[in-house]
Amino acid sequence: MRLGTEPLQPRDLLNDRGYSRFSGKARTSDIRSLQKELGDWLAHLPKPVGIFAANDFMAAQVAAAASRVGLDIPGDIALVGVDNDELLCENTNPTLSSVRPDFRAAGEKAAELLADPTRDRTAIANLCGYSSANALANFLRRSR
């Protein structure tokens, strides 16, 4: 564990516990290299581990890489994808668990937040993932 006066960032906490971010440095056009790198990364993670993939295609890639290095889903890796692509989820071994995002509800909530002039712009910026409240304020001025 790191000691110091600076605040501990979540990535530091994960690194201290043996987790690391998948670098994806292999050329994406070379699927074998990418699968090997992904498998090596999965093999070195502390187990059991949970992975929430950005989409079902990436979850299927994680499942394939895990299988290649002898890891068990869900025993070693709890895996969840996003989009609930039934064709992909049902034809992956083992079948994938996936969530379907509610884009309509998210859009309605975003519009509600942006339309309320009493809302704290910094809080909205943080919620929306903007690095700067000024960037969001400029966007809001342009969009009106």
Protein backbone atom coordinates (compact mmCIF):
# COMPACT_ATOMS: atom_id res chain seq x y z
CA MET A 1 0.00 0.00 0.00
CA ARG A 2 1.29 3.43 -0.95
CA LEU A 3 1.82 6.01 1.76
CA GLY A 4 1.87 9.72 1.11
CA THR A 5 0.04 12.96 1.46
CA GLU A 6 -1.62 12.89 -1.97
CA PRO A 7 -5.10 11.37 -2.16
CA LEU A 8 -5.24 7.74 -3.19
CA GLN A 9 -6.81 7.33 -6.63
CA PRO A 10 -9.06 4.32 -7.39
CA ARG A 11 -6.56 3.04 -10.00
CA ASP A 12 -3.82 3.10 -7.33
CA LEU A 13 -5.98 1.09 -4.96
CA LEU A 14 -6.65 -1.48 -7.69
CA ASN A 15 -2.96 -1.65 -8.64
CA ASP A 16 -2.00 -2.14 -4.98
CA ARG A 17 -4.36 -5.13 -4.83
CA GLY A 18 -2.93 -6.78 -7.94
CA TYR A 19 -5.40 -5.50 -10.53
CA SER A 20 -4.29 -3.69 -13.64
CA ARG A 21 -5.94 -2.14 -16.65
CA PHE A 22 -5.94 -4.10 -19.88
CA SER A 23 -3.65 -2.16 -22.18
CA GLY A 24 -4.89 -3.47 -25.51
CA LYS A 25 -1.51 -2.66 -27.10
CA ALA A 26 -1.72 -5.49 -29.61
CA ARG A 27 -2.75 -4.40 -33.07
CA THR A 28 -6.52 -4.70 -33.27
CA SER A 29 -6.18 -6.08 -36.80
CA ASP A 30 -4.30 -9.05 -35.35
CA ILE A 31 -7.00 -10.87 -33.40
CA ARG A 32 -4.65 -13.66 -32.27
CA SER A 33 -2.26 -11.18 -30.66
CA LEU A 34 -5.13 -9.34 -29.04
CA GLN A 35 -6.62 -12.60 -27.72
CA LYS A 36 -3.22 -13.68 -26.36
CA GLU A 37 -2.69 -10.34 -24.62
CA LEU A 38 -6.21 -10.42 -23.20
CA GLY A 39 -5.73 -14.00 -21.98
CA ASP A 40 -2.40 -13.12 -20.33
CA TRP A 41 -4.03 -10.14 -18.61
CA LEU A 42 -6.95 -12.27 -17.37
CA ALA A 43 -4.61 -15.00 -16.11
CA HIS A 44 -2.73 -12.52 -13.92
CA LEU A 45 -5.78 -10.96 -12.26
CA PRO A 46 -6.53 -12.01 -8.67
CA LYS A 47 -9.39 -14.53 -8.64
CA PRO A 48 -12.29 -14.52 -8.33
CA VAL A 49 -12.80 -11.33 -10.34
CA GLY A 50 -15.78 -9.55 -11.87
CA ILE A 51 -15.57 -7.94 -15.31
CA PHE A 52 -18.18 -5.55 -16.67
CA ALA A 53 -17.46 -5.35 -20.40
CA ALA A 54 -18.31 -2.26 -22.46
CA ASN A 55 -20.54 -4.31 -24.76
CA ASP A 56 -21.51 -7.89 -25.53
CA PHE A 57 -18.91 -8.26 -28.28
CA MET A 58 -16.12 -7.40 -25.81
CA ALA A 59 -17.66 -9.74 -23.22
CA ALA A 60 -17.56 -12.54 -25.81
CA GLN A 61 -13.88 -11.75 -26.47
CA VAL A 62 -13.18 -11.94 -22.72
CA ALA A 63 -15.02 -15.28 -22.53
CA ALA A 64 -13.01 -16.68 -25.45
CA ALA A 65 -9.70 -15.47 -24.01
CA ALA A 66 -10.58 -16.85 -20.57
CA SER A 67 -11.36 -20.24 -22.08
CA ARG A 68 -8.02 -20.27 -23.96
CA VAL A 69 -6.06 -19.81 -20.73
CA GLY A 70 -8.16 -22.32 -18.76
CA LEU A 71 -10.22 -19.90 -16.66
CA ASP A 72 -13.77 -20.77 -15.67
CA ILE A 73 -16.73 -18.45 -16.16
CA PRO A 74 -18.39 -17.89 -13.70
CA GLY A 75 -16.07 -19.67 -11.25
CA ASP A 76 -12.95 -17.57 -11.85
CA ILE A 77 -14.51 -14.65 -13.72
CA ALA A 78 -18.00 -13.22 -13.26
CA LEU A 79 -18.67 -11.61 -16.64
CA VAL A 80 -21.41 -9.17 -17.69
CA GLY A 81 -21.83 -7.45 -21.05
CA VAL A 82 -23.95 -4.54 -22.21
CA ASP A 83 -26.57 -4.36 -25.02
CA ASN A 84 -28.26 -7.73 -24.43
CA ASP A 85 -27.57 -8.91 -27.97
CA GLU A 86 -29.55 -12.14 -27.76
CA LEU A 87 -27.90 -13.80 -30.75
CA LEU A 88 -24.41 -13.17 -29.37
CA CYS A 89 -25.28 -13.88 -25.73
CA GLU A 90 -27.05 -17.17 -26.46
CA ASN A 91 -24.29 -18.43 -28.78
CA THR A 92 -21.35 -17.77 -26.48
CA ASN A 93 -20.13 -20.62 -24.29
CA PRO A 94 -21.09 -20.20 -21.52
CA THR A 95 -24.03 -17.97 -22.40
CA LEU A 96 -23.39 -14.33 -21.52
CA SER A 97 -25.20 -12.31 -18.93
CA SER A 98 -25.94 -8.86 -20.29
CA VAL A 99 -27.82 -5.71 -19.43
CA ARG A 100 -29.84 -3.59 -21.84
CA PRO A 101 -29.19 0.12 -21.34
CA ASP A 102 -32.25 2.36 -21.17
CA PHE A 103 -31.09 5.17 -23.47
CA ARG A 104 -34.50 6.86 -23.47
CA ALA A 105 -34.57 7.17 -19.66
CA ALA A 106 -30.94 8.34 -19.62
CA GLY A 107 -31.71 10.98 -22.26
CA GLU A 108 -34.77 12.17 -20.36
CA LYS A 109 -32.73 12.47 -17.15
CA ALA A 110 -29.95 14.34 -18.97
CA ALA A 111 -32.48 16.76 -20.48
CA GLU A 112 -34.07 17.27 -17.06
CA LEU A 113 -30.70 18.07 -15.50
CA LEU A 114 -29.66 20.40 -18.31
CA ALA A 115 -32.99 22.24 -18.42
CA ASP A 116 -33.01 23.10 -14.70
CA PRO A 117 -31.31 26.51 -14.32
CA THR A 118 -30.98 26.02 -10.56
CA ARG A 119 -28.76 22.95 -10.88
CA ASP A 120 -25.13 23.22 -9.93
CA ARG A 121 -23.24 23.18 -13.24
CA THR A 122 -20.22 21.50 -11.64
CA ALA A 123 -22.37 18.63 -10.40
CA ILE A 124 -23.89 18.23 -13.86
CA ALA A 125 -20.42 18.33 -15.44
CA ASN A 126 -19.22 15.59 -13.09
CA LEU A 127 -22.32 13.50 -13.73
CA CYS A 128 -21.92 13.86 -17.50
CA GLY A 129 -18.20 13.10 -17.39
CA TYR A 130 -17.04 16.53 -18.46
CA SER A 131 -13.59 17.36 -17.13
CA SER A 132 -14.49 21.00 -16.74
CA ALA A 133 -17.63 22.79 -15.68
CA ASN A 134 -16.62 25.56 -18.12
CA ALA A 135 -16.74 23.14 -21.03
CA LEU A 136 -20.27 22.16 -20.06
CA ALA A 137 -21.32 25.77 -19.54
CA ASN A 138 -20.00 26.64 -23.02
CA PHE A 139 -21.88 23.70 -24.49
CA LEU A 140 -25.09 24.82 -22.75
CA ARG A 141 -24.73 28.38 -24.04
CA ARG A 142 -24.19 27.14 -27.61
CA SER A 143 -27.13 24.75 -27.45
CA ARG A 144 -29.70 27.36 -26.36
